[in-house]
Amino acid sequence: MCNYALAYIIIEIKSVKMKLITKEIKNKLPKLYEQDGKGLNSIAYIKFFTPDSNWTWYVTEFDGKDLFFGLVDGFEKELGYFSLSELESVRGPLGLKIERDLHFVPTTLEELMK
């Protein structure tokens, strides 16, 4: 394969935009405060990550529009709110967009805190 064809394929792959959250996923996520009181037994259903850094966001709840609650693993691990619009606008150090881990299996926060 010539270099031009390979470069074209790479550009095409990079131009495909991953949808961070689909309608189907939105409908399955617990609403905000549904897991309130479960503490570390709360379940994270989605994992977002930056492919070019070590930041990871685990979603436990969603307001159905833009606001998530979950575990953020960046400089340290902490629970908090973050928004879909933020995740869609953030770029890693190499300019890469945040992705959803397509192979993530729902996991308790206790397991993720280890």
PDB file of N, CA and C in Angstrom:
ATOM      1  N   MET A   1       0.856  -1.175   0.000  1.00  0.00           N
ATOM      2  CA  MET A   1       0.000   0.000   0.000  1.00  0.00           C
ATOM      3  C   MET A   1       0.901   1.237   0.000  1.00  0.00           C
ATOM      4  N   CYS A   2       0.592   2.189  -0.852  1.00  0.00           N
ATOM      5  CA  CYS A   2       1.423   3.390  -0.923  1.00  0.00           C
ATOM      6  C   CYS A   2       1.153   4.296   0.281  1.00  0.00           C
ATOM      7  N   ASN A   3       2.087   5.177   0.553  1.00  0.00           N
ATOM      8  CA  ASN A   3       1.983   6.077   1.705  1.00  0.00           C
ATOM      9  C   ASN A   3       0.766   6.986   1.628  1.00  0.00           C
ATOM     10  N   TYR A   4       0.378   7.400   0.423  1.00  0.00           N
ATOM     11  CA  TYR A   4      -0.780   8.286   0.273  1.00  0.00           C
ATOM     12  C   TYR A   4      -2.067   7.582   0.693  1.00  0.00           C
ATOM     13  N   ALA A   5      -2.198   6.328   0.276  1.00  0.00           N
ATOM     14  CA  ALA A   5      -3.401   5.562   0.631  1.00  0.00           C
ATOM     15  C   ALA A   5      -3.458   5.340   2.137  1.00  0.00           C
ATOM     16  N   LEU A   6      -2.324   5.028   2.726  1.00  0.00           N
ATOM     17  CA  LEU A   6      -2.268   4.817   4.172  1.00  0.00           C
ATOM     18  C   LEU A   6      -2.610   6.101   4.919  1.00  0.00           C
ATOM     19  N   ALA A   7      -2.078   7.218   4.468  1.00  0.00           N
ATOM     20  CA  ALA A   7      -2.378   8.511   5.096  1.00  0.00           C
ATOM     21  C   ALA A   7      -3.867   8.824   4.989  1.00  0.00           C
ATOM     22  N   TYR A   8      -4.479   8.517   3.856  1.00  0.00           N
ATOM     23  CA  TYR A   8      -5.910   8.759   3.662  1.00  0.00           C
ATOM     24  C   TYR A   8      -6.729   7.917   4.638  1.00  0.00           C
ATOM     25  N   ILE A   9      -6.359   6.660   4.804  1.00  0.00           N
ATOM     26  CA  ILE A   9      -7.066   5.774   5.734  1.00  0.00           C
ATOM     27  C   ILE A   9      -6.960   6.309   7.156  1.00  0.00           C
ATOM     28  N   ILE A  10      -5.793   6.752   7.554  1.00  0.00           N
ATOM     29  CA  ILE A  10      -5.602   7.300   8.900  1.00  0.00           C
ATOM     30  C   ILE A  10      -6.465   8.537   9.097  1.00  0.00           C
ATOM     31  N   ILE A  11      -6.509   9.415   8.108  1.00  0.00           N
ATOM     32  CA  ILE A  11      -7.338  10.623   8.203  1.00  0.00           C
ATOM     33  C   ILE A  11      -8.808  10.243   8.323  1.00  0.00           C
ATOM     34  N   GLU A  12      -9.255   9.264   7.551  1.00  0.00           N
ATOM     35  CA  GLU A  12     -10.650   8.822   7.609  1.00  0.00           C
ATOM     36  C   GLU A  12     -10.979   8.263   8.994  1.00  0.00           C
ATOM     37  N   ILE A  13     -10.099   7.477   9.560  1.00  0.00           N
ATOM     38  CA  ILE A  13     -10.325   6.905  10.889  1.00  0.00           C
ATOM     39  C   ILE A  13     -10.406   8.012  11.930  1.00  0.00           C
ATOM     40  N   LYS A  14      -9.523   8.990  11.857  1.00  0.00           N
ATOM     41  CA  LYS A  14      -9.516  10.081  12.832  1.00  0.00           C
ATOM     42  C   LYS A  14     -10.749  10.962  12.712  1.00  0.00           C
ATOM     43  N   SER A  15     -11.351  11.010  11.522  1.00  0.00           N
ATOM     44  CA  SER A  15     -12.500  11.888  11.333  1.00  0.00           C
ATOM     45  C   SER A  15     -13.803  11.273  11.849  1.00  0.00           C
ATOM     46  N   VAL A  16     -13.795   9.978  12.135  1.00  0.00           N
ATOM     47  CA  VAL A  16     -14.982   9.329  12.689  1.00  0.00           C
ATOM     48  C   VAL A  16     -15.130   9.789  14.135  1.00  0.00           C
ATOM     49  N   LYS A  17     -16.276  10.388  14.424  1.00  0.00           N
ATOM     50  CA  LYS A  17     -16.494  10.937  15.762  1.00  0.00           C
ATOM     51  C   LYS A  17     -17.213   9.907  16.619  1.00  0.00           C
ATOM     52  N   MET A  18     -16.598   9.564  17.743  1.00  0.00           N
ATOM     53  CA  MET A  18     -17.241   8.648  18.664  1.00  0.00           C
ATOM     54  C   MET A  18     -18.323   9.389  19.422  1.00  0.00           C
ATOM     55  N   LYS A  19     -19.485   8.801  19.481  1.00  0.00           N
ATOM     56  CA  LYS A  19     -20.569   9.365  20.277  1.00  0.00           C
ATOM     57  C   LYS A  19     -20.320   8.920  21.718  1.00  0.00           C
ATOM     58  N   LEU A  20     -20.098   9.877  22.602  1.00  0.00           N
ATOM     59  CA  LEU A  20     -19.773   9.519  23.978  1.00  0.00           C
ATOM     60  C   LEU A  20     -20.917   8.809  24.676  1.00  0.00           C
ATOM     61  N   ILE A  21     -22.144   9.194  24.356  1.00  0.00           N
ATOM     62  CA  ILE A  21     -23.286   8.549  25.001  1.00  0.00           C
ATOM     63  C   ILE A  21     -24.433   8.455  23.996  1.00  0.00           C
ATOM     64  N   THR A  22     -24.986   7.273  23.888  1.00  0.00           N
ATOM     65  CA  THR A  22     -26.097   7.040  22.964  1.00  0.00           C
ATOM     66  C   THR A  22     -27.426   7.144  23.713  1.00  0.00           C
ATOM     67  N   LYS A  23     -28.518   7.210  22.961  1.00  0.00           N
ATOM     68  CA  LYS A  23     -29.852   7.235  23.579  1.00  0.00           C
ATOM     69  C   LYS A  23     -30.075   5.995  24.434  1.00  0.00           C
ATOM     70  N   GLU A  24     -29.645   4.868  23.916  1.00  0.00           N
ATOM     71  CA  GLU A  24     -29.814   3.600  24.636  1.00  0.00           C
ATOM     72  C   GLU A  24     -29.089   3.636  25.984  1.00  0.00           C
ATOM     73  N   ILE A  25     -27.868   4.144  25.986  1.00  0.00           N
ATOM     74  CA  ILE A  25     -27.102   4.245  27.233  1.00  0.00           C
ATOM     75  C   ILE A  25     -27.771   5.239  28.172  1.00  0.00           C
ATOM     76  N   LYS A  26     -28.200   6.382  27.641  1.00  0.00           N
ATOM     77  CA  LYS A  26     -28.880   7.392  28.466  1.00  0.00           C
ATOM     78  C   LYS A  26     -30.053   6.790  29.219  1.00  0.00           C
ATOM     79  N   ASN A  27     -30.834   5.975  28.528  1.00  0.00           N
ATOM     80  CA  ASN A  27     -32.032   5.400  29.126  1.00  0.00           C
ATOM     81  C   ASN A  27     -31.734   4.346  30.185  1.00  0.00           C
ATOM     82  N   LYS A  28     -30.552   3.746  30.142  1.00  0.00           N
ATOM     83  CA  LYS A  28     -30.198   2.687  31.090  1.00  0.00           C
ATOM     84  C   LYS A  28     -29.504   3.207  32.348  1.00  0.00           C
ATOM     85  N   LEU A  29     -28.951   4.412  32.282  1.00  0.00           N
ATOM     86  CA  LEU A  29     -28.201   4.935  33.430  1.00  0.00           C
ATOM     87  C   LEU A  29     -29.128   5.329  34.574  1.00  0.00           C
ATOM     88  N   PRO A  30     -28.715   5.059  35.814  1.00  0.00           N
ATOM     89  CA  PRO A  30     -29.502   5.545  36.958  1.00  0.00           C
ATOM     90  C   PRO A  30     -29.554   7.070  36.943  1.00  0.00           C
ATOM     91  N   LYS A  31     -30.684   7.609  37.340  1.00  0.00           N
ATOM     92  CA  LYS A  31     -30.843   9.063  37.447  1.00  0.00           C
ATOM     93  C   LYS A  31     -30.018   9.572  38.626  1.00  0.00           C
ATOM     94  N   LEU A  32     -29.743  10.880  38.618  1.00  0.00           N
ATOM     95  CA  LEU A  32     -29.006  11.475  39.737  1.00  0.00           C
ATOM     96  C   LEU A  32     -29.690  11.121  41.053  1.00  0.00           C
ATOM     97  N   TYR A  33     -28.895  10.767  42.032  1.00  0.00           N
ATOM     98  CA  TYR A  33     -29.295  10.431  43.411  1.00  0.00           C
ATOM     99  C   TYR A  33     -29.932   9.050  43.555  1.00  0.00           C
ATOM    100  N   GLU A  34     -30.086   8.284  42.479  1.00  0.00           N
ATOM    101  CA  GLU A  34     -30.665   6.938  42.594  1.00  0.00           C
ATOM    102  C   GLU A  34     -29.768   5.991  43.381  1.00  0.00           C
ATOM    103  N   GLN A  35     -28.463   6.212  43.329  1.00  0.00           N
ATOM    104  CA  GLN A  35     -27.550   5.346  44.070  1.00  0.00           C
ATOM    105  C   GLN A  35     -27.094   6.006  45.376  1.00  0.00           C
ATOM    106  N   ASP A  36     -27.733   7.114  45.716  1.00  0.00           N
ATOM    107  CA  ASP A  36     -27.398   7.846  46.940  1.00  0.00           C
ATOM    108  C   ASP A  36     -27.533   6.920  48.146  1.00  0.00           C
ATOM    109  N   GLY A  37     -26.538   6.933  49.008  1.00  0.00           N
ATOM    110  CA  GLY A  37     -26.557   6.102  50.205  1.00  0.00           C
ATOM    111  C   GLY A  37     -25.852   4.766  50.030  1.00  0.00           C
ATOM    112  N   LYS A  38     -25.513   4.408  48.804  1.00  0.00           N
ATOM    113  CA  LYS A  38     -24.828   3.136  48.562  1.00  0.00           C
ATOM    114  C   LYS A  38     -23.322   3.242  48.766  1.00  0.00           C
ATOM    115  N   GLY A  39     -22.814   4.472  48.817  1.00  0.00           N
ATOM    116  CA  GLY A  39     -21.382   4.673  49.020  1.00  0.00           C
ATOM    117  C   GLY A  39     -20.557   3.971  47.961  1.00  0.00           C
ATOM    118  N   LEU A  40     -19.539   3.240  48.410  1.00  0.00           N
ATOM    119  CA  LEU A  40     -18.633   2.564  47.478  1.00  0.00           C
ATOM    120  C   LEU A  40     -19.268   1.347  46.818  1.00  0.00           C
ATOM    121  N   ASN A  41     -20.484   0.993  47.232  1.00  0.00           N
ATOM    122  CA  ASN A  41     -21.213  -0.088  46.560  1.00  0.00           C
ATOM    123  C   ASN A  41     -21.957   0.415  45.323  1.00  0.00           C
ATOM    124  N   SER A  42     -21.925   1.718  45.086  1.00  0.00           N
ATOM    125  CA  SER A  42     -22.514   2.272  43.861  1.00  0.00           C
ATOM    126  C   SER A  42     -21.793   1.681  42.657  1.00  0.00           C
ATOM    127  N   ILE A  43     -22.520   1.536  41.580  1.00  0.00           N
ATOM    128  CA  ILE A  43     -21.952   0.922  40.377  1.00  0.00           C
ATOM    129  C   ILE A  43     -21.678   1.978  39.314  1.00  0.00           C
ATOM    130  N   ALA A  44     -20.484   1.917  38.755  1.00  0.00           N
ATOM    131  CA  ALA A  44     -20.121   2.760  37.608  1.00  0.00           C
ATOM    132  C   ALA A  44     -20.492   1.988  36.347  1.00  0.00           C
ATOM    133  N   TYR A  45     -21.220   2.654  35.449  1.00  0.00           N
ATOM    134  CA  TYR A  45     -21.716   2.003  34.244  1.00  0.00           C
ATOM    135  C   TYR A  45     -20.959   2.382  32.981  1.00  0.00           C
ATOM    136  N   ILE A  46     -20.285   3.521  33.010  1.00  0.00           N
ATOM    137  CA  ILE A  46     -19.552   3.997  31.832  1.00  0.00           C
ATOM    138  C   ILE A  46     -18.165   4.448  32.261  1.00  0.00           C
ATOM    139  N   LYS A  47     -17.208   4.207  31.384  1.00  0.00           N
ATOM    140  CA  LYS A  47     -15.845   4.698  31.597  1.00  0.00           C
ATOM    141  C   LYS A  47     -15.470   5.564  30.399  1.00  0.00           C
ATOM    142  N   PHE A  48     -15.121   6.830  30.687  1.00  0.00           N
ATOM    143  CA  PHE A  48     -14.569   7.732  29.682  1.00  0.00           C
ATOM    144  C   PHE A  48     -13.086   7.908  29.995  1.00  0.00           C
ATOM    145  N   PHE A  49     -12.269   8.118  28.984  1.00  0.00           N
ATOM    146  CA  PHE A  49     -10.835   8.287  29.227  1.00  0.00           C
ATOM    147  C   PHE A  49     -10.200   9.144  28.140  1.00  0.00           C
ATOM    148  N   THR A  50      -9.059   9.716  28.489  1.00  0.00           N
ATOM    149  CA  THR A  50      -8.254  10.422  27.494  1.00  0.00           C
ATOM    150  C   THR A  50      -7.184   9.441  27.018  1.00  0.00           C
ATOM    151  N   PRO A  51      -7.128   9.152  25.724  1.00  0.00           N
ATOM    152  CA  PRO A  51      -6.163   8.180  25.229  1.00  0.00           C
ATOM    153  C   PRO A  51      -4.715   8.651  25.324  1.00  0.00           C
ATOM    154  N   ASP A  52      -4.523   9.946  25.517  1.00  0.00           N
ATOM    155  CA  ASP A  52      -3.157  10.470  25.569  1.00  0.00           C
ATOM    156  C   ASP A  52      -2.788  11.035  26.943  1.00  0.00           C
ATOM    157  N   SER A  53      -3.517  10.639  27.975  1.00  0.00           N
ATOM    158  CA  SER A  53      -3.137  11.004  29.350  1.00  0.00           C
ATOM    159  C   SER A  53      -3.740   9.982  30.302  1.00  0.00           C
ATOM    160  N   ASN A  54      -3.639  10.229  31.591  1.00  0.00           N
ATOM    161  CA  ASN A  54      -4.108   9.241  32.564  1.00  0.00           C
ATOM    162  C   ASN A  54      -5.438   9.623  33.218  1.00  0.00           C
ATOM    163  N   TRP A  55      -6.196  10.537  32.638  1.00  0.00           N
ATOM    164  CA  TRP A  55      -7.479  10.945  33.211  1.00  0.00           C
ATOM    165  C   TRP A  55      -8.573   9.969  32.800  1.00  0.00           C
ATOM    166  N   THR A  56      -9.424   9.617  33.793  1.00  0.00           N
ATOM    167  CA  THR A  56     -10.535   8.699  33.566  1.00  0.00           C
ATOM    168  C   THR A  56     -11.746   9.173  34.350  1.00  0.00           C
ATOM    169  N   TRP A  57     -12.919   9.053  33.741  1.00  0.00           N
ATOM    170  CA  TRP A  57     -14.184   9.425  34.388  1.00  0.00           C
ATOM    171  C   TRP A  57     -15.081   8.195  34.384  1.00  0.00           C
ATOM    172  N   TYR A  58     -15.597   7.819  35.560  1.00  0.00           N
ATOM    173  CA  TYR A  58     -16.512   6.686  35.693  1.00  0.00           C
ATOM    174  C   TYR A  58     -17.888   7.228  36.070  1.00  0.00           C
ATOM    175  N   VAL A  59     -18.906   6.893  35.299  1.00  0.00           N
ATOM    176  CA  VAL A  59     -20.254   7.425  35.504  1.00  0.00           C
ATOM    177  C   VAL A  59     -21.089   6.464  36.345  1.00  0.00           C
ATOM    178  N   THR A  60     -21.648   6.995  37.443  1.00  0.00           N
ATOM    179  CA  THR A  60     -22.581   6.214  38.254  1.00  0.00           C
ATOM    180  C   THR A  60     -24.020   6.675  38.056  1.00  0.00           C
ATOM    181  N   GLU A  61     -24.218   7.965  37.747  1.00  0.00           N
ATOM    182  CA  GLU A  61     -25.565   8.527  37.600  1.00  0.00           C
ATOM    183  C   GLU A  61     -25.556   9.632  36.545  1.00  0.00           C
ATOM    184  N   PHE A  62     -26.742   9.913  36.009  1.00  0.00           N
ATOM    185  CA  PHE A  62     -26.863  10.896  34.928  1.00  0.00           C
ATOM    186  C   PHE A  62     -28.209  11.599  35.042  1.00  0.00           C
ATOM    187  N   ASP A  63     -28.226  12.904  34.805  1.00  0.00           N
ATOM    188  CA  ASP A  63     -29.493  13.652  34.893  1.00  0.00           C
ATOM    189  C   ASP A  63     -30.350  13.512  33.631  1.00  0.00           C
ATOM    190  N   GLY A  64     -29.849  12.792  32.640  1.00  0.00           N
ATOM    191  CA  GLY A  64     -30.596  12.581  31.405  1.00  0.00           C
ATOM    192  C   GLY A  64     -30.322  13.622  30.337  1.00  0.00           C
ATOM    193  N   LYS A  65     -29.603  14.690  30.706  1.00  0.00           N
ATOM    194  CA  LYS A  65     -29.321  15.765  29.748  1.00  0.00           C
ATOM    195  C   LYS A  65     -27.823  16.002  29.582  1.00  0.00           C
ATOM    196  N   ASP A  66     -27.174  16.455  30.668  1.00  0.00           N
ATOM    197  CA  ASP A  66     -25.771  16.851  30.544  1.00  0.00           C
ATOM    198  C   ASP A  66     -24.920  16.504  31.768  1.00  0.00           C
ATOM    199  N   LEU A  67     -25.521  16.352  32.923  1.00  0.00           N
ATOM    200  CA  LEU A  67     -24.763  16.244  34.171  1.00  0.00           C
ATOM    201  C   LEU A  67     -24.607  14.798  34.636  1.00  0.00           C
ATOM    202  N   PHE A  68     -23.356  14.409  34.850  1.00  0.00           N
ATOM    203  CA  PHE A  68     -23.026  13.092  35.389  1.00  0.00           C
ATOM    204  C   PHE A  68     -22.578  13.235  36.835  1.00  0.00           C
ATOM    205  N   PHE A  69     -22.674  12.131  37.575  1.00  0.00           N
ATOM    206  CA  PHE A  69     -22.009  12.014  38.866  1.00  0.00           C
ATOM    207  C   PHE A  69     -21.210  10.726  38.803  1.00  0.00           C
ATOM    208  N   GLY A  70     -20.006  10.761  39.385  1.00  0.00           N
ATOM    209  CA  GLY A  70     -19.192   9.556  39.394  1.00  0.00           C
ATOM    210  C   GLY A  70     -17.811   9.810  39.942  1.00  0.00           C
ATOM    211  N   LEU A  71     -16.935   8.885  39.630  1.00  0.00           N
ATOM    212  CA  LEU A  71     -15.552   8.917  40.098  1.00  0.00           C
ATOM    213  C   LEU A  71     -14.666   9.501  39.006  1.00  0.00           C
ATOM    214  N   VAL A  72     -13.874  10.484  39.385  1.00  0.00           N
ATOM    215  CA  VAL A  72     -12.904  11.073  38.463  1.00  0.00           C
ATOM    216  C   VAL A  72     -11.518  10.678  38.947  1.00  0.00           C
ATOM    217  N   ASP A  73     -10.749  10.066  38.074  1.00  0.00           N
ATOM    218  CA  ASP A  73      -9.389   9.647  38.401  1.00  0.00           C
ATOM    219  C   ASP A  73      -8.441  10.479  37.547  1.00  0.00           C
ATOM    220  N   GLY A  74      -7.924  11.545  38.152  1.00  0.00           N
ATOM    221  CA  GLY A  74      -7.007  12.441  37.453  1.00  0.00           C
ATOM    222  C   GLY A  74      -5.740  12.582  38.268  1.00  0.00           C
ATOM    223  N   PHE A  75      -5.589  13.729  38.912  1.00  0.00           N
ATOM    224  CA  PHE A  75      -4.453  13.921  39.815  1.00  0.00           C
ATOM    225  C   PHE A  75      -4.630  13.069  41.061  1.00  0.00           C
ATOM    226  N   GLU A  76      -5.896  12.830  41.428  1.00  0.00           N
ATOM    227  CA  GLU A  76      -6.267  11.943  42.533  1.00  0.00           C
ATOM    228  C   GLU A  76      -7.660  11.413  42.227  1.00  0.00           C
ATOM    229  N   LYS A  77      -8.092  10.414  42.978  1.00  0.00           N
ATOM    230  CA  LYS A  77      -9.435   9.873  42.779  1.00  0.00           C
ATOM    231  C   LYS A  77     -10.406  10.622  43.668  1.00  0.00           C
ATOM    232  N   GLU A  78     -11.492  11.129  43.058  1.00  0.00           N
ATOM    233  CA  GLU A  78     -12.498  11.836  43.844  1.00  0.00           C
ATOM    234  C   GLU A  78     -13.865  11.697  43.192  1.00  0.00           C
ATOM    235  N   LEU A  79     -14.896  11.727  44.032  1.00  0.00           N
ATOM    236  CA  LEU A  79     -16.268  11.685  43.550  1.00  0.00           C
ATOM    237  C   LEU A  79     -16.723  13.098  43.247  1.00  0.00           C
ATOM    238  N   GLY A  80     -17.515  13.249  42.200  1.00  0.00           N
ATOM    239  CA  GLY A  80     -18.001  14.583  41.884  1.00  0.00           C
ATOM    240  C   GLY A  80     -18.846  14.599  40.628  1.00  0.00           C
ATOM    241  N   TYR A  81     -19.278  15.800  40.285  1.00  0.00           N
ATOM    242  CA  TYR A  81     -20.103  16.032  39.103  1.00  0.00           C
ATOM    243  C   TYR A  81     -19.221  16.464  37.936  1.00  0.00           C
ATOM    244  N   PHE A  82     -19.596  16.050  36.744  1.00  0.00           N
ATOM    245  CA  PHE A  82     -18.938  16.494  35.517  1.00  0.00           C
ATOM    246  C   PHE A  82     -19.978  16.439  34.406  1.00  0.00           C
ATOM    247  N   SER A  83     -19.741  17.215  33.368  1.00  0.00           N
ATOM    248  CA  SER A  83     -20.778  17.325  32.340  1.00  0.00           C
ATOM    249  C   SER A  83     -20.354  16.699  31.013  1.00  0.00           C
ATOM    250  N   LEU A  84     -21.353  16.258  30.284  1.00  0.00           N
ATOM    251  CA  LEU A  84     -21.137  15.702  28.952  1.00  0.00           C
ATOM    252  C   LEU A  84     -20.524  16.758  28.042  1.00  0.00           C
ATOM    253  N   SER A  85     -21.022  17.987  28.142  1.00  0.00           N
ATOM    254  CA  SER A  85     -20.489  19.059  27.288  1.00  0.00           C
ATOM    255  C   SER A  85     -19.011  19.318  27.582  1.00  0.00           C
ATOM    256  N   GLU A  86     -18.616  19.215  28.850  1.00  0.00           N
ATOM    257  CA  GLU A  86     -17.195  19.353  29.204  1.00  0.00           C
ATOM    258  C   GLU A  86     -16.383  18.247  28.551  1.00  0.00           C
ATOM    259  N   LEU A  87     -16.855  17.012  28.708  1.00  0.00           N
ATOM    260  CA  LEU A  87     -16.121  15.873  28.163  1.00  0.00           C
ATOM    261  C   LEU A  87     -15.984  15.973  26.646  1.00  0.00           C
ATOM    262  N   GLU A  88     -17.013  16.471  25.987  1.00  0.00           N
ATOM    263  CA  GLU A  88     -16.963  16.605  24.527  1.00  0.00           C
ATOM    264  C   GLU A  88     -16.000  17.697  24.077  1.00  0.00           C
ATOM    265  N   SER A  89     -15.731  18.663  24.945  1.00  0.00           N
ATOM    266  CA  SER A  89     -14.859  19.775  24.549  1.00  0.00           C
ATOM    267  C   SER A  89     -13.398  19.590  24.967  1.00  0.00           C
ATOM    268  N   VAL A  90     -13.139  18.700  25.903  1.00  0.00           N
ATOM    269  CA  VAL A  90     -11.777  18.511  26.428  1.00  0.00           C
ATOM    270  C   VAL A  90     -10.903  17.789  25.403  1.00  0.00           C
ATOM    271  N   ARG A  91      -9.652  18.199  25.345  1.00  0.00           N
ATOM    272  CA  ARG A  91      -8.650  17.529  24.521  1.00  0.00           C
ATOM    273  C   ARG A  91      -7.461  17.203  25.412  1.00  0.00           C
ATOM    274  N   GLY A  92      -6.847  16.058  25.154  1.00  0.00           N
ATOM    275  CA  GLY A  92      -5.659  15.671  25.896  1.00  0.00           C
ATOM    276  C   GLY A  92      -4.447  16.435  25.396  1.00  0.00           C
ATOM    277  N   PRO A  93      -3.279  16.155  25.974  1.00  0.00           N
ATOM    278  CA  PRO A  93      -2.056  16.876  25.613  1.00  0.00           C
ATOM    279  C   PRO A  93      -1.673  16.768  24.133  1.00  0.00           C
ATOM    280  N   LEU A  94      -2.092  15.697  23.489  1.00  0.00           N
ATOM    281  CA  LEU A  94      -1.783  15.534  22.063  1.00  0.00           C
ATOM    282  C   LEU A  94      -2.952  15.942  21.174  1.00  0.00           C
ATOM    283  N   GLY A  95      -3.977  16.537  21.789  1.00  0.00           N
ATOM    284  CA  GLY A  95      -5.135  17.003  21.037  1.00  0.00           C
ATOM    285  C   GLY A  95      -6.206  15.954  20.806  1.00  0.00           C
ATOM    286  N   LEU A  96      -6.050  14.783  21.430  1.00  0.00           N
ATOM    287  CA  LEU A  96      -7.026  13.714  21.232  1.00  0.00           C
ATOM    288  C   LEU A  96      -8.270  13.931  22.084  1.00  0.00           C
ATOM    289  N   LYS A  97      -9.413  13.534  21.539  1.00  0.00           N
ATOM    290  CA  LYS A  97     -10.686  13.686  22.239  1.00  0.00           C
ATOM    291  C   LYS A  97     -10.884  12.555  23.247  1.00  0.00           C
ATOM    292  N   ILE A  98     -11.759  12.811  24.191  1.00  0.00           N
ATOM    293  CA  ILE A  98     -12.125  11.795  25.168  1.00  0.00           C
ATOM    294  C   ILE A  98     -12.923  10.704  24.462  1.00  0.00           C
ATOM    295  N   GLU A  99     -12.713   9.464  24.905  1.00  0.00           N
ATOM    296  CA  GLU A  99     -13.399   8.316  24.325  1.00  0.00           C
ATOM    297  C   GLU A  99     -14.154   7.552  25.403  1.00  0.00           C
ATOM    298  N   ARG A 100     -15.137   6.777  24.970  1.00  0.00           N
ATOM    299  CA  ARG A 100     -15.844   5.871  25.870  1.00  0.00           C
ATOM    300  C   ARG A 100     -15.229   4.491  25.701  1.00  0.00           C
ATOM    301  N   ASP A 101     -14.930   3.835  26.809  1.00  0.00           N
ATOM    302  CA  ASP A 101     -14.381   2.484  26.775  1.00  0.00           C
ATOM    303  C   ASP A 101     -15.506   1.528  26.389  1.00  0.00           C
ATOM    304  N   LEU A 102     -15.451   1.005  25.194  1.00  0.00           N
ATOM    305  CA  LEU A 102     -16.506   0.139  24.676  1.00  0.00           C
ATOM    306  C   LEU A 102     -16.522  -1.232  25.341  1.00  0.00           C
ATOM    307  N   HIS A 103     -15.461  -1.572  26.058  1.00  0.00           N
ATOM    308  CA  HIS A 103     -15.348  -2.889  26.679  1.00  0.00           C
ATOM    309  C   HIS A 103     -15.483  -2.836  28.199  1.00  0.00           C
ATOM    310  N   PHE A 104     -15.820  -1.662  28.737  1.00  0.00           N
ATOM    311  CA  PHE A 104     -15.947  -1.508  30.188  1.00  0.00           C
ATOM    312  C   PHE A 104     -17.145  -2.301  30.700  1.00  0.00           C
ATOM    313  N   VAL A 105     -16.922  -3.025  31.784  1.00  0.00           N
ATOM    314  CA  VAL A 105     -17.969  -3.801  32.441  1.00  0.00           C
ATOM    315  C   VAL A 105     -18.370  -3.052  33.708  1.00  0.00           C
ATOM    316  N   PRO A 106     -19.676  -2.851  33.956  1.00  0.00           N
ATOM    317  CA  PRO A 106     -20.087  -2.146  35.180  1.00  0.00           C
ATOM    318  C   PRO A 106     -19.380  -2.711  36.415  1.00  0.00           C
ATOM    319  N   THR A 107     -18.866  -1.794  37.229  1.00  0.00           N
ATOM    320  CA  THR A 107     -18.000  -2.138  38.353  1.00  0.00           C
ATOM    321  C   THR A 107     -18.344  -1.258  39.541  1.00  0.00           C
ATOM    322  N   THR A 108     -18.211  -1.794  40.746  1.00  0.00           N
ATOM    323  CA  THR A 108     -18.471  -0.982  41.936  1.00  0.00           C
ATOM    324  C   THR A 108     -17.359   0.048  42.120  1.00  0.00           C
ATOM    325  N   LEU A 109     -17.713   1.140  42.771  1.00  0.00           N
ATOM    326  CA  LEU A 109     -16.703   2.159  43.069  1.00  0.00           C
ATOM    327  C   LEU A 109     -15.618   1.587  43.973  1.00  0.00           C
ATOM    328  N   GLU A 110     -15.999   0.671  44.844  1.00  0.00           N
ATOM    329  CA  GLU A 110     -15.012   0.046  45.736  1.00  0.00           C
ATOM    330  C   GLU A 110     -13.892  -0.603  44.931  1.00  0.00           C
ATOM    331  N   GLU A 111     -14.249  -1.320  43.876  1.00  0.00           N
ATOM    332  CA  GLU A 111     -13.237  -1.954  43.023  1.00  0.00           C
ATOM    333  C   GLU A 111     -12.387  -0.910  42.303  1.00  0.00           C
ATOM    334  N   LEU A 112     -13.015   0.157  41.862  1.00  0.00           N
ATOM    335  CA  LEU A 112     -12.297   1.198  41.118  1.00  0.00           C
ATOM    336  C   LEU A 112     -11.375   2.016  42.010  1.00  0.00           C
ATOM    337  N   MET A 113     -11.670   2.066  43.300  1.00  0.00           N
ATOM    338  CA  MET A 113     -10.849   2.850  44.234  1.00  0.00           C
ATOM    339  C   MET A 113      -9.557   2.130  44.608  1.00  0.00           C
ATOM    340  N   LYS A 114      -9.460   0.847  44.304  1.00  0.00           N
ATOM    341  CA  LYS A 114      -8.262   0.066  44.675  1.00  0.00           C
ATOM    342  C   LYS A 114      -7.050   0.524  43.897  1.00  0.00           C
TER     343      LYS A 114
END
